[in-house]
Amino acid sequence: ENIAKISGFEVVRSRPVGYFPLHLFGLGTFLNRFLQAMPLLRWFGF
């Protein structure tokens, strides 16, 4: 946010992505969606 501001930009959205790196027949999709919605754990996407 600070670097963006002094460079003439604004961070309008920052979304963590990727918590479980394998699809595993849909299990990865479920875990990635679930963890992305968790208040604290969501910031630990890769």
ModelCIF file with pLDDT and N, C-alpha, C, O atoms, coordinates in Angstrom:
data_MODEL
#
_entry.id   MODEL 
#
_entity.id                         1 
_entity.type                       polymer 
_entity.pdbx_number_of_molecules   1 
#
_entity_poly.entity_id                      1 
_entity_poly.type                           'polypeptide(L)' 
_entity_poly.nstd_linkage                   no 
_entity_poly.nstd_monomer                   no 
_entity_poly.pdbx_seq_one_letter_code       ENIAKISGFEVVRSRPVGYFPLHLFGLGTFLNRFLQAMPLLRWFGF 
_entity_poly.pdbx_seq_one_letter_code_can   ENIAKISGFEVVRSRPVGYFPLHLFGLGTFLNRFLQAMPLLRWFGF 
_entity_poly.pdbx_strand_id                 A 
#
loop_
_entity_poly_seq.entity_id 
_entity_poly_seq.num 
_entity_poly_seq.mon_id 
_entity_poly_seq.hetero 
1 1  GLU n 
1 2  ASN n 
1 3  ILE n 
1 4  ALA n 
1 5  LYS n 
1 6  ILE n 
1 7  SER n 
1 8  GLY n 
1 9  PHE n 
1 10 GLU n 
1 11 VAL n 
1 12 VAL n 
1 13 ARG n 
1 14 SER n 
1 15 ARG n 
1 16 PRO n 
1 17 VAL n 
1 18 GLY n 
1 19 TYR n 
1 20 PHE n 
1 21 PRO n 
1 22 LEU n 
1 23 HIS n 
1 24 LEU n 
1 25 PHE n 
1 26 GLY n 
1 27 LEU n 
1 28 GLY n 
1 29 THR n 
1 30 PHE n 
1 31 LEU n 
1 32 ASN n 
1 33 ARG n 
1 34 PHE n 
1 35 LEU n 
1 36 GLN n 
1 37 ALA n 
1 38 MET n 
1 39 PRO n 
1 40 LEU n 
1 41 LEU n 
1 42 ARG n 
1 43 TRP n 
1 44 PHE n 
1 45 GLY n 
1 46 PHE n 
#
_struct_asym.id          A 
_struct_asym.entity_id   1 
#
loop_
_ma_qa_metric.id 
_ma_qa_metric.mode 
_ma_qa_metric.name 
_ma_qa_metric.software_group_id 
_ma_qa_metric.type 
1 global pLDDT . pLDDT 
2 local  pLDDT . pLDDT 
#
_ma_qa_metric_global.metric_id      1 
_ma_qa_metric_global.metric_value   87.20 
_ma_qa_metric_global.model_id       1 
_ma_qa_metric_global.ordinal_id     1 
#
loop_
_ma_qa_metric_local.label_asym_id 
_ma_qa_metric_local.label_comp_id 
_ma_qa_metric_local.label_seq_id 
_ma_qa_metric_local.metric_id 
_ma_qa_metric_local.metric_value 
_ma_qa_metric_local.model_id 
_ma_qa_metric_local.ordinal_id 
A GLU 1  2 95.00 1 1  
A ASN 2  2 96.00 1 2  
A ILE 3  2 95.00 1 3  
A ALA 4  2 96.00 1 4  
A LYS 5  2 96.00 1 5  
A ILE 6  2 96.00 1 6  
A SER 7  2 96.00 1 7  
A GLY 8  2 96.00 1 8  
A PHE 9  2 97.00 1 9  
A GLU 10 2 97.00 1 10 
A VAL 11 2 97.00 1 11 
A VAL 12 2 97.00 1 12 
A ARG 13 2 95.00 1 13 
A SER 14 2 94.00 1 14 
A ARG 15 2 93.00 1 15 
A PRO 16 2 93.00 1 16 
A VAL 17 2 92.00 1 17 
A GLY 18 2 86.00 1 18 
A TYR 19 2 84.00 1 19 
A PHE 20 2 82.00 1 20 
A PRO 21 2 77.00 1 21 
A LEU 22 2 78.00 1 22 
A HIS 23 2 78.00 1 23 
A LEU 24 2 76.00 1 24 
A PHE 25 2 80.00 1 25 
A GLY 26 2 81.00 1 26 
A LEU 27 2 83.00 1 27 
A GLY 28 2 81.00 1 28 
A THR 29 2 85.00 1 29 
A PHE 30 2 86.00 1 30 
A LEU 31 2 85.00 1 31 
A ASN 32 2 82.00 1 32 
A ARG 33 2 86.00 1 33 
A PHE 34 2 83.00 1 34 
A LEU 35 2 83.00 1 35 
A GLN 36 2 83.00 1 36 
A ALA 37 2 82.00 1 37 
A MET 38 2 83.00 1 38 
A PRO 39 2 85.00 1 39 
A LEU 40 2 81.00 1 40 
A LEU 41 2 79.00 1 41 
A ARG 42 2 81.00 1 42 
A TRP 43 2 83.00 1 43 
A PHE 44 2 84.00 1 44 
A GLY 45 2 87.00 1 45 
A PHE 46 2 86.00 1 46 
#
loop_
_atom_site.group_PDB 
_atom_site.id 
_atom_site.type_symbol 
_atom_site.label_atom_id 
_atom_site.label_alt_id 
_atom_site.label_comp_id 
_atom_site.label_asym_id 
_atom_site.label_entity_id 
_atom_site.label_seq_id 
_atom_site.pdbx_PDB_ins_code 
_atom_site.Cartn_x 
_atom_site.Cartn_y 
_atom_site.Cartn_z 
_atom_site.occupancy 
_atom_site.B_iso_or_equiv 
_atom_site.pdbx_formal_charge 
_atom_site.auth_seq_id 
_atom_site.auth_comp_id 
_atom_site.auth_asym_id 
_atom_site.auth_atom_id 
_atom_site.pdbx_PDB_model_num 
ATOM 1   N N  . GLU A 1 1  ? 0.829   -1.207  0.000  1.00 95.00 ? 1  GLU A N  1 
ATOM 2   C CA . GLU A 1 1  ? 0.000   0.000   0.000  1.00 95.00 ? 1  GLU A CA 1 
ATOM 3   C C  . GLU A 1 1  ? 0.863   1.256   0.000  1.00 95.00 ? 1  GLU A C  1 
ATOM 4   O O  . GLU A 1 1  ? 0.556   2.225   -0.695 1.00 95.00 ? 1  GLU A O  1 
ATOM 5   N N  . ASN A 1 2  ? 1.946   1.239   0.784  1.00 96.00 ? 2  ASN A N  1 
ATOM 6   C CA . ASN A 1 2  ? 2.818   2.416   0.873  1.00 96.00 ? 2  ASN A CA 1 
ATOM 7   C C  . ASN A 1 2  ? 3.568   2.662   -0.438 1.00 96.00 ? 2  ASN A C  1 
ATOM 8   O O  . ASN A 1 2  ? 3.646   3.795   -0.915 1.00 96.00 ? 2  ASN A O  1 
ATOM 9   N N  . ILE A 1 3  ? 4.124   1.579   -1.022 1.00 95.00 ? 3  ILE A N  1 
ATOM 10  C CA . ILE A 1 3  ? 4.857   1.721   -2.288 1.00 95.00 ? 3  ILE A CA 1 
ATOM 11  C C  . ILE A 1 3  ? 3.917   2.162   -3.400 1.00 95.00 ? 3  ILE A C  1 
ATOM 12  O O  . ILE A 1 3  ? 4.275   2.996   -4.232 1.00 95.00 ? 3  ILE A O  1 
ATOM 13  N N  . ALA A 1 4  ? 2.717   1.600   -3.409 1.00 96.00 ? 4  ALA A N  1 
ATOM 14  C CA . ALA A 1 4  ? 1.734   1.993   -4.423 1.00 96.00 ? 4  ALA A CA 1 
ATOM 15  C C  . ALA A 1 4  ? 1.408   3.479   -4.302 1.00 96.00 ? 4  ALA A C  1 
ATOM 16  O O  . ALA A 1 4  ? 1.322   4.183   -5.308 1.00 96.00 ? 4  ALA A O  1 
ATOM 17  N N  . LYS A 1 5  ? 1.230   3.949   -3.087 1.00 96.00 ? 5  LYS A N  1 
ATOM 18  C CA . LYS A 1 5  ? 0.843   5.341   -2.862 1.00 96.00 ? 5  LYS A CA 1 
ATOM 19  C C  . LYS A 1 5  ? 1.917   6.306   -3.343 1.00 96.00 ? 5  LYS A C  1 
ATOM 20  O O  . LYS A 1 5  ? 1.605   7.281   -4.027 1.00 96.00 ? 5  LYS A O  1 
ATOM 21  N N  . ILE A 1 6  ? 3.181   6.052   -2.998 1.00 96.00 ? 6  ILE A N  1 
ATOM 22  C CA . ILE A 1 6  ? 4.250   6.975   -3.403 1.00 96.00 ? 6  ILE A CA 1 
ATOM 23  C C  . ILE A 1 6  ? 4.576   6.840   -4.896 1.00 96.00 ? 6  ILE A C  1 
ATOM 24  O O  . ILE A 1 6  ? 5.273   7.685   -5.458 1.00 96.00 ? 6  ILE A O  1 
ATOM 25  N N  . SER A 1 7  ? 4.070   5.780   -5.534 1.00 96.00 ? 7  SER A N  1 
ATOM 26  C CA . SER A 1 7  ? 4.289   5.588   -6.975 1.00 96.00 ? 7  SER A CA 1 
ATOM 27  C C  . SER A 1 7  ? 3.126   6.110   -7.812 1.00 96.00 ? 7  SER A C  1 
ATOM 28  O O  . SER A 1 7  ? 3.153   6.041   -9.041 1.00 96.00 ? 7  SER A O  1 
ATOM 29  N N  . GLY A 1 8  ? 2.103   6.635   -7.132 1.00 96.00 ? 8  GLY A N  1 
ATOM 30  C CA . GLY A 1 8  ? 0.954   7.168   -7.864 1.00 96.00 ? 8  GLY A CA 1 
ATOM 31  C C  . GLY A 1 8  ? -0.129  6.153   -8.140 1.00 96.00 ? 8  GLY A C  1 
ATOM 32  O O  . GLY A 1 8  ? -0.901  6.306   -9.087 1.00 96.00 ? 8  GLY A O  1 
ATOM 33  N N  . PHE A 1 9  ? -0.194  5.108   -7.315 1.00 97.00 ? 9  PHE A N  1 
ATOM 34  C CA . PHE A 1 9  ? -1.221  4.077   -7.467 1.00 97.00 ? 9  PHE A CA 1 
ATOM 35  C C  . PHE A 1 9  ? -1.968  3.887   -6.151 1.00 97.00 ? 9  PHE A C  1 
ATOM 36  O O  . PHE A 1 9  ? -1.537  4.338   -5.089 1.00 97.00 ? 9  PHE A O  1 
ATOM 37  N N  . GLU A 1 10 ? -3.094  3.209   -6.261 1.00 97.00 ? 10 GLU A N  1 
ATOM 38  C CA . GLU A 1 10 ? -3.864  2.817   -5.087 1.00 97.00 ? 10 GLU A CA 1 
ATOM 39  C C  . GLU A 1 10 ? -4.199  1.334   -5.190 1.00 97.00 ? 10 GLU A C  1 
ATOM 40  O O  . GLU A 1 10 ? -4.655  0.866   -6.233 1.00 97.00 ? 10 GLU A O  1 
ATOM 41  N N  . VAL A 1 11 ? -3.970  0.594   -4.102 1.00 97.00 ? 11 VAL A N  1 
ATOM 42  C CA . VAL A 1 11 ? -4.360  -0.821  -4.070 1.00 97.00 ? 11 VAL A CA 1 
ATOM 43  C C  . VAL A 1 11 ? -5.865  -0.880  -3.852 1.00 97.00 ? 11 VAL A C  1 
ATOM 44  O O  . VAL A 1 11 ? -6.355  -0.521  -2.782 1.00 97.00 ? 11 VAL A O  1 
ATOM 45  N N  . VAL A 1 12 ? -6.597  -1.330  -4.862 1.00 97.00 ? 12 VAL A N  1 
ATOM 46  C CA . VAL A 1 12 ? -8.052  -1.376  -4.753 1.00 97.00 ? 12 VAL A CA 1 
ATOM 47  C C  . VAL A 1 12 ? -8.557  -2.760  -4.352 1.00 97.00 ? 12 VAL A C  1 
ATOM 48  O O  . VAL A 1 12 ? -9.697  -2.917  -3.914 1.00 97.00 ? 12 VAL A O  1 
ATOM 49  N N  . ARG A 1 13 ? -7.695  -3.756  -4.508 1.00 95.00 ? 13 ARG A N  1 
ATOM 50  C CA . ARG A 1 13 ? -8.087  -5.105  -4.096 1.00 95.00 ? 13 ARG A CA 1 
ATOM 51  C C  . ARG A 1 13 ? -6.849  -5.970  -3.940 1.00 95.00 ? 13 ARG A C  1 
ATOM 52  O O  . ARG A 1 13 ? -5.931  -5.910  -4.758 1.00 95.00 ? 13 ARG A O  1 
ATOM 53  N N  . SER A 1 14 ? -6.830  -6.769  -2.894 1.00 94.00 ? 14 SER A N  1 
ATOM 54  C CA . SER A 1 14 ? -5.727  -7.706  -2.675 1.00 94.00 ? 14 SER A CA 1 
ATOM 55  C C  . SER A 1 14 ? -6.328  -9.003  -2.156 1.00 94.00 ? 14 SER A C  1 
ATOM 56  O O  . SER A 1 14 ? -6.863  -9.055  -1.049 1.00 94.00 ? 14 SER A O  1 
ATOM 57  N N  . ARG A 1 15 ? -6.232  -10.049 -2.968 1.00 93.00 ? 15 ARG A N  1 
ATOM 58  C CA . ARG A 1 15 ? -6.930  -11.300 -2.644 1.00 93.00 ? 15 ARG A CA 1 
ATOM 59  C C  . ARG A 1 15 ? -5.955  -12.474 -2.638 1.00 93.00 ? 15 ARG A C  1 
ATOM 60  O O  . ARG A 1 15 ? -5.386  -12.810 -3.677 1.00 93.00 ? 15 ARG A O  1 
ATOM 61  N N  . PRO A 1 16 ? -5.757  -13.101 -1.477 1.00 93.00 ? 16 PRO A N  1 
ATOM 62  C CA . PRO A 1 16 ? -4.880  -14.277 -1.406 1.00 93.00 ? 16 PRO A CA 1 
ATOM 63  C C  . PRO A 1 16 ? -5.467  -15.448 -2.188 1.00 93.00 ? 16 PRO A C  1 
ATOM 64  O O  . PRO A 1 16 ? -6.682  -15.648 -2.216 1.00 93.00 ? 16 PRO A O  1 
ATOM 65  N N  . VAL A 1 17 ? -4.584  -16.216 -2.822 1.00 92.00 ? 17 VAL A N  1 
ATOM 66  C CA . VAL A 1 17 ? -5.012  -17.344 -3.655 1.00 92.00 ? 17 VAL A CA 1 
ATOM 67  C C  . VAL A 1 17 ? -4.051  -18.506 -3.461 1.00 92.00 ? 17 VAL A C  1 
ATOM 68  O O  . VAL A 1 17 ? -2.841  -18.304 -3.360 1.00 92.00 ? 17 VAL A O  1 
ATOM 69  N N  . GLY A 1 18 ? -4.588  -19.728 -3.408 1.00 86.00 ? 18 GLY A N  1 
ATOM 70  C CA . GLY A 1 18 ? -3.753  -20.924 -3.431 1.00 86.00 ? 18 GLY A CA 1 
ATOM 71  C C  . GLY A 1 18 ? -3.290  -21.391 -2.059 1.00 86.00 ? 18 GLY A C  1 
ATOM 72  O O  . GLY A 1 18 ? -2.243  -20.962 -1.573 1.00 86.00 ? 18 GLY A O  1 
ATOM 73  N N  . TYR A 1 19 ? -4.060  -22.259 -1.441 1.00 84.00 ? 19 TYR A N  1 
ATOM 74  C CA . TYR A 1 19 ? -3.706  -22.792 -0.129 1.00 84.00 ? 19 TYR A CA 1 
ATOM 75  C C  . TYR A 1 19 ? -3.308  -24.259 -0.218 1.00 84.00 ? 19 TYR A C  1 
ATOM 76  O O  . TYR A 1 19 ? -2.446  -24.738 0.518  1.00 84.00 ? 19 TYR A O  1 
ATOM 77  N N  . PHE A 1 20 ? -3.955  -24.945 -1.128 1.00 82.00 ? 20 PHE A N  1 
ATOM 78  C CA . PHE A 1 20 ? -3.665  -26.364 -1.351 1.00 82.00 ? 20 PHE A CA 1 
ATOM 79  C C  . PHE A 1 20 ? -3.307  -26.521 -2.823 1.00 82.00 ? 20 PHE A C  1 
ATOM 80  O O  . PHE A 1 20 ? -4.117  -26.188 -3.688 1.00 82.00 ? 20 PHE A O  1 
ATOM 81  N N  . PRO A 1 21 ? -2.098  -27.027 -3.130 1.00 77.00 ? 21 PRO A N  1 
ATOM 82  C CA . PRO A 1 21 ? -1.586  -26.947 -4.502 1.00 77.00 ? 21 PRO A CA 1 
ATOM 83  C C  . PRO A 1 21 ? -2.018  -28.052 -5.461 1.00 77.00 ? 21 PRO A C  1 
ATOM 84  O O  . PRO A 1 21 ? -1.593  -28.058 -6.616 1.00 77.00 ? 21 PRO A O  1 
ATOM 85  N N  . LEU A 1 22 ? -2.847  -28.978 -5.011 1.00 78.00 ? 22 LEU A N  1 
ATOM 86  C CA . LEU A 1 22 ? -3.251  -30.093 -5.873 1.00 78.00 ? 22 LEU A CA 1 
ATOM 87  C C  . LEU A 1 22 ? -4.773  -30.166 -5.971 1.00 78.00 ? 22 LEU A C  1 
ATOM 88  O O  . LEU A 1 22 ? -5.483  -29.834 -5.022 1.00 78.00 ? 22 LEU A O  1 
ATOM 89  N N  . HIS A 1 23 ? -5.264  -30.603 -7.130 1.00 78.00 ? 23 HIS A N  1 
ATOM 90  C CA . HIS A 1 23 ? -6.701  -30.673 -7.339 1.00 78.00 ? 23 HIS A CA 1 
ATOM 91  C C  . HIS A 1 23 ? -7.325  -31.823 -6.551 1.00 78.00 ? 23 HIS A C  1 
ATOM 92  O O  . HIS A 1 23 ? -8.331  -31.645 -5.866 1.00 78.00 ? 23 HIS A O  1 
ATOM 93  N N  . LEU A 1 24 ? -6.714  -33.002 -6.658 1.00 76.00 ? 24 LEU A N  1 
ATOM 94  C CA . LEU A 1 24 ? -7.155  -34.203 -5.930 1.00 76.00 ? 24 LEU A CA 1 
ATOM 95  C C  . LEU A 1 24 ? -8.663  -34.440 -6.033 1.00 76.00 ? 24 LEU A C  1 
ATOM 96  O O  . LEU A 1 24 ? -9.356  -34.551 -5.021 1.00 76.00 ? 24 LEU A O  1 
ATOM 97  N N  . PHE A 1 25 ? -9.154  -34.516 -7.257 1.00 80.00 ? 25 PHE A N  1 
ATOM 98  C CA . PHE A 1 25 ? -10.543 -34.864 -7.537 1.00 80.00 ? 25 PHE A CA 1 
ATOM 99  C C  . PHE A 1 25 ? -11.544 -33.925 -6.855 1.00 80.00 ? 25 PHE A C  1 
ATOM 100 O O  . PHE A 1 25 ? -12.612 -34.352 -6.416 1.00 80.00 ? 25 PHE A O  1 
ATOM 101 N N  . GLY A 1 26 ? -11.184 -32.651 -6.774 1.00 81.00 ? 26 GLY A N  1 
ATOM 102 C CA . GLY A 1 26 ? -12.100 -31.662 -6.208 1.00 81.00 ? 26 GLY A CA 1 
ATOM 103 C C  . GLY A 1 26 ? -11.817 -31.288 -4.766 1.00 81.00 ? 26 GLY A C  1 
ATOM 104 O O  . GLY A 1 26 ? -12.317 -30.271 -4.285 1.00 81.00 ? 26 GLY A O  1 
ATOM 105 N N  . LEU A 1 27 ? -11.014 -32.099 -4.059 1.00 83.00 ? 27 LEU A N  1 
ATOM 106 C CA . LEU A 1 27 ? -10.703 -31.778 -2.666 1.00 83.00 ? 27 LEU A CA 1 
ATOM 107 C C  . LEU A 1 27 ? -9.944  -30.461 -2.571 1.00 83.00 ? 27 LEU A C  1 
ATOM 108 O O  . LEU A 1 27 ? -10.208 -29.648 -1.685 1.00 83.00 ? 27 LEU A O  1 
ATOM 109 N N  . GLY A 1 28 ? -9.004  -30.253 -3.483 1.00 81.00 ? 28 GLY A N  1 
ATOM 110 C CA . GLY A 1 28 ? -8.234  -29.013 -3.483 1.00 81.00 ? 28 GLY A CA 1 
ATOM 111 C C  . GLY A 1 28 ? -9.115  -27.800 -3.714 1.00 81.00 ? 28 GLY A C  1 
ATOM 112 O O  . GLY A 1 28 ? -8.918  -26.757 -3.089 1.00 81.00 ? 28 GLY A O  1 
ATOM 113 N N  . THR A 1 29 ? -10.082 -27.930 -4.605 1.00 85.00 ? 29 THR A N  1 
ATOM 114 C CA . THR A 1 29 ? -11.002 -26.825 -4.879 1.00 85.00 ? 29 THR A CA 1 
ATOM 115 C C  . THR A 1 29 ? -11.792 -26.459 -3.634 1.00 85.00 ? 29 THR A C  1 
ATOM 116 O O  . THR A 1 29 ? -11.958 -25.282 -3.314 1.00 85.00 ? 29 THR A O  1 
ATOM 117 N N  . PHE A 1 30 ? -12.283 -27.491 -2.927 1.00 86.00 ? 30 PHE A N  1 
ATOM 118 C CA . PHE A 1 30 ? -13.041 -27.249 -1.689 1.00 86.00 ? 30 PHE A CA 1 
ATOM 119 C C  . PHE A 1 30 ? -12.173 -26.556 -0.639 1.00 86.00 ? 30 PHE A C  1 
ATOM 120 O O  . PHE A 1 30 ? -12.601 -25.580 -0.024 1.00 86.00 ? 30 PHE A O  1 
ATOM 121 N N  . LEU A 1 31 ? -10.947 -27.063 -0.434 1.00 85.00 ? 31 LEU A N  1 
ATOM 122 C CA . LEU A 1 31 ? -10.058 -26.492 0.586  1.00 85.00 ? 31 LEU A CA 1 
ATOM 123 C C  . LEU A 1 31 ? -9.667  -25.057 0.244  1.00 85.00 ? 31 LEU A C  1 
ATOM 124 O O  . LEU A 1 31 ? -9.612  -24.199 1.125  1.00 85.00 ? 31 LEU A O  1 
ATOM 125 N N  . ASN A 1 32 ? -9.398  -24.800 -1.025 1.00 82.00 ? 32 ASN A N  1 
ATOM 126 C CA . ASN A 1 32 ? -9.007  -23.450 -1.420 1.00 82.00 ? 32 ASN A CA 1 
ATOM 127 C C  . ASN A 1 32 ? -10.137 -22.448 -1.221 1.00 82.00 ? 32 ASN A C  1 
ATOM 128 O O  . ASN A 1 32 ? -9.896  -21.319 -0.795 1.00 82.00 ? 32 ASN A O  1 
ATOM 129 N N  . ARG A 1 33 ? -11.354 -22.846 -1.522 1.00 86.00 ? 33 ARG A N  1 
ATOM 130 C CA . ARG A 1 33 ? -12.496 -21.959 -1.312 1.00 86.00 ? 33 ARG A CA 1 
ATOM 131 C C  . ARG A 1 33 ? -12.778 -21.765 0.176  1.00 86.00 ? 33 ARG A C  1 
ATOM 132 O O  . ARG A 1 33 ? -13.090 -20.661 0.621  1.00 86.00 ? 33 ARG A O  1 
ATOM 133 N N  . PHE A 1 34 ? -12.664 -22.841 0.929  1.00 83.00 ? 34 PHE A N  1 
ATOM 134 C CA . PHE A 1 34 ? -12.946 -22.783 2.366  1.00 83.00 ? 34 PHE A CA 1 
ATOM 135 C C  . PHE A 1 34 ? -11.929 -21.901 3.086  1.00 83.00 ? 34 PHE A C  1 
ATOM 136 O O  . PHE A 1 34 ? -12.310 -21.033 3.871  1.00 83.00 ? 34 PHE A O  1 
ATOM 137 N N  . LEU A 1 35 ? -10.627 -22.118 2.824  1.00 83.00 ? 35 LEU A N  1 
ATOM 138 C CA . LEU A 1 35 ? -9.583  -21.364 3.508  1.00 83.00 ? 35 LEU A CA 1 
ATOM 139 C C  . LEU A 1 35 ? -9.564  -19.904 3.097  1.00 83.00 ? 35 LEU A C  1 
ATOM 140 O O  . LEU A 1 35 ? -9.199  -19.033 3.887  1.00 83.00 ? 35 LEU A O  1 
ATOM 141 N N  . GLN A 1 36 ? -9.956  -19.638 1.862  1.00 83.00 ? 36 GLN A N  1 
ATOM 142 C CA . GLN A 1 36 ? -9.997  -18.250 1.380  1.00 83.00 ? 36 GLN A CA 1 
ATOM 143 C C  . GLN A 1 36 ? -11.050 -17.438 2.121  1.00 83.00 ? 36 GLN A C  1 
ATOM 144 O O  . GLN A 1 36 ? -10.965 -16.212 2.183  1.00 83.00 ? 36 GLN A O  1 
ATOM 145 N N  . ALA A 1 37 ? -12.042 -18.122 2.683  1.00 82.00 ? 37 ALA A N  1 
ATOM 146 C CA . ALA A 1 37 ? -13.125 -17.439 3.389  1.00 82.00 ? 37 ALA A CA 1 
ATOM 147 C C  . ALA A 1 37 ? -12.867 -17.301 4.887  1.00 82.00 ? 37 ALA A C  1 
ATOM 148 O O  . ALA A 1 37 ? -13.626 -16.622 5.579  1.00 82.00 ? 37 ALA A O  1 
ATOM 149 N N  . MET A 1 38 ? -11.814 -17.931 5.400  1.00 83.00 ? 38 MET A N  1 
ATOM 150 C CA . MET A 1 38 ? -11.518 -17.876 6.823  1.00 83.00 ? 38 MET A CA 1 
ATOM 151 C C  . MET A 1 38 ? -10.798 -16.571 7.168  1.00 83.00 ? 38 MET A C  1 
ATOM 152 O O  . MET A 1 38 ? -9.831  -16.207 6.498  1.00 83.00 ? 38 MET A O  1 
ATOM 153 N N  . PRO A 1 39 ? -11.256 -15.863 8.203  1.00 85.00 ? 39 PRO A N  1 
ATOM 154 C CA . PRO A 1 39 ? -10.732 -14.533 8.523  1.00 85.00 ? 39 PRO A CA 1 
ATOM 155 C C  . PRO A 1 39 ? -9.211  -14.437 8.699  1.00 85.00 ? 39 PRO A C  1 
ATOM 156 O O  . PRO A 1 39 ? -8.610  -13.497 8.179  1.00 85.00 ? 39 PRO A O  1 
ATOM 157 N N  . LEU A 1 40 ? -8.576  -15.354 9.397  1.00 81.00 ? 40 LEU A N  1 
ATOM 158 C CA . LEU A 1 40 ? -7.141  -15.287 9.637  1.00 81.00 ? 40 LEU A CA 1 
ATOM 159 C C  . LEU A 1 40 ? -6.349  -16.154 8.667  1.00 81.00 ? 40 LEU A C  1 
ATOM 160 O O  . LEU A 1 40 ? -5.321  -15.727 8.141  1.00 81.00 ? 40 LEU A O  1 
ATOM 161 N N  . LEU A 1 41 ? -6.823  -17.358 8.434  1.00 79.00 ? 41 LEU A N  1 
ATOM 162 C CA . LEU A 1 41 ? -6.096  -18.292 7.573  1.00 79.00 ? 41 LEU A CA 1 
ATOM 163 C C  . LEU A 1 41 ? -6.029  -17.825 6.121  1.00 79.00 ? 41 LEU A C  1 
ATOM 164 O O  . LEU A 1 41 ? -5.143  -18.246 5.378  1.00 79.00 ? 41 LEU A O  1 
ATOM 165 N N  . ARG A 1 42 ? -6.956  -16.960 5.710  1.00 81.00 ? 42 ARG A N  1 
ATOM 166 C CA . ARG A 1 42 ? -7.011  -16.524 4.321  1.00 81.00 ? 42 ARG A CA 1 
ATOM 167 C C  . ARG A 1 42 ? -5.730  -15.797 3.882  1.00 81.00 ? 42 ARG A C  1 
ATOM 168 O O  . ARG A 1 42 ? -5.447  -15.725 2.686  1.00 81.00 ? 42 ARG A O  1 
ATOM 169 N N  . TRP A 1 43 ? -4.965  -15.265 4.821  1.00 83.00 ? 43 TRP A N  1 
ATOM 170 C CA . TRP A 1 43 ? -3.757  -14.521 4.465  1.00 83.00 ? 43 TRP A CA 1 
ATOM 171 C C  . TRP A 1 43 ? -2.552  -15.418 4.244  1.00 83.00 ? 43 TRP A C  1 
ATOM 172 O O  . TRP A 1 43 ? -1.445  -14.927 4.023  1.00 83.00 ? 43 TRP A O  1 
ATOM 173 N N  . PHE A 1 44 ? -2.759  -16.746 4.302  1.00 84.00 ? 44 PHE A N  1 
ATOM 174 C CA . PHE A 1 44 ? -1.648  -17.673 4.120  1.00 84.00 ? 44 PHE A CA 1 
ATOM 175 C C  . PHE A 1 44 ? -1.697  -18.394 2.776  1.00 84.00 ? 44 PHE A C  1 
ATOM 176 O O  . PHE A 1 44 ? -1.136  -19.481 2.633  1.00 84.00 ? 44 PHE A O  1 
ATOM 177 N N  . GLY A 1 45 ? -2.360  -17.798 1.801  1.00 87.00 ? 45 GLY A N  1 
ATOM 178 C CA . GLY A 1 45 ? -2.292  -18.316 0.440  1.00 87.00 ? 45 GLY A CA 1 
ATOM 179 C C  . GLY A 1 45 ? -0.886  -18.143 -0.104 1.00 87.00 ? 45 GLY A C  1 
ATOM 180 O O  . GLY A 1 45 ? -0.139  -17.286 0.370  1.00 87.00 ? 45 GLY A O  1 
ATOM 181 N N  . PHE A 1 46 ? -0.513  -18.952 -1.100 1.00 86.00 ? 46 PHE A N  1 
ATOM 182 C CA . PHE A 1 46 ? 0.874   -18.900 -1.568 1.00 86.00 ? 46 PHE A CA 1 
ATOM 183 C C  . PHE A 1 46 ? 1.169   -17.605 -2.318 1.00 86.00 ? 46 PHE A C  1 
ATOM 184 O O  . PHE A 1 46 ? 2.293   -17.400 -2.779 1.00 86.00 ? 46 PHE A O  1 
#
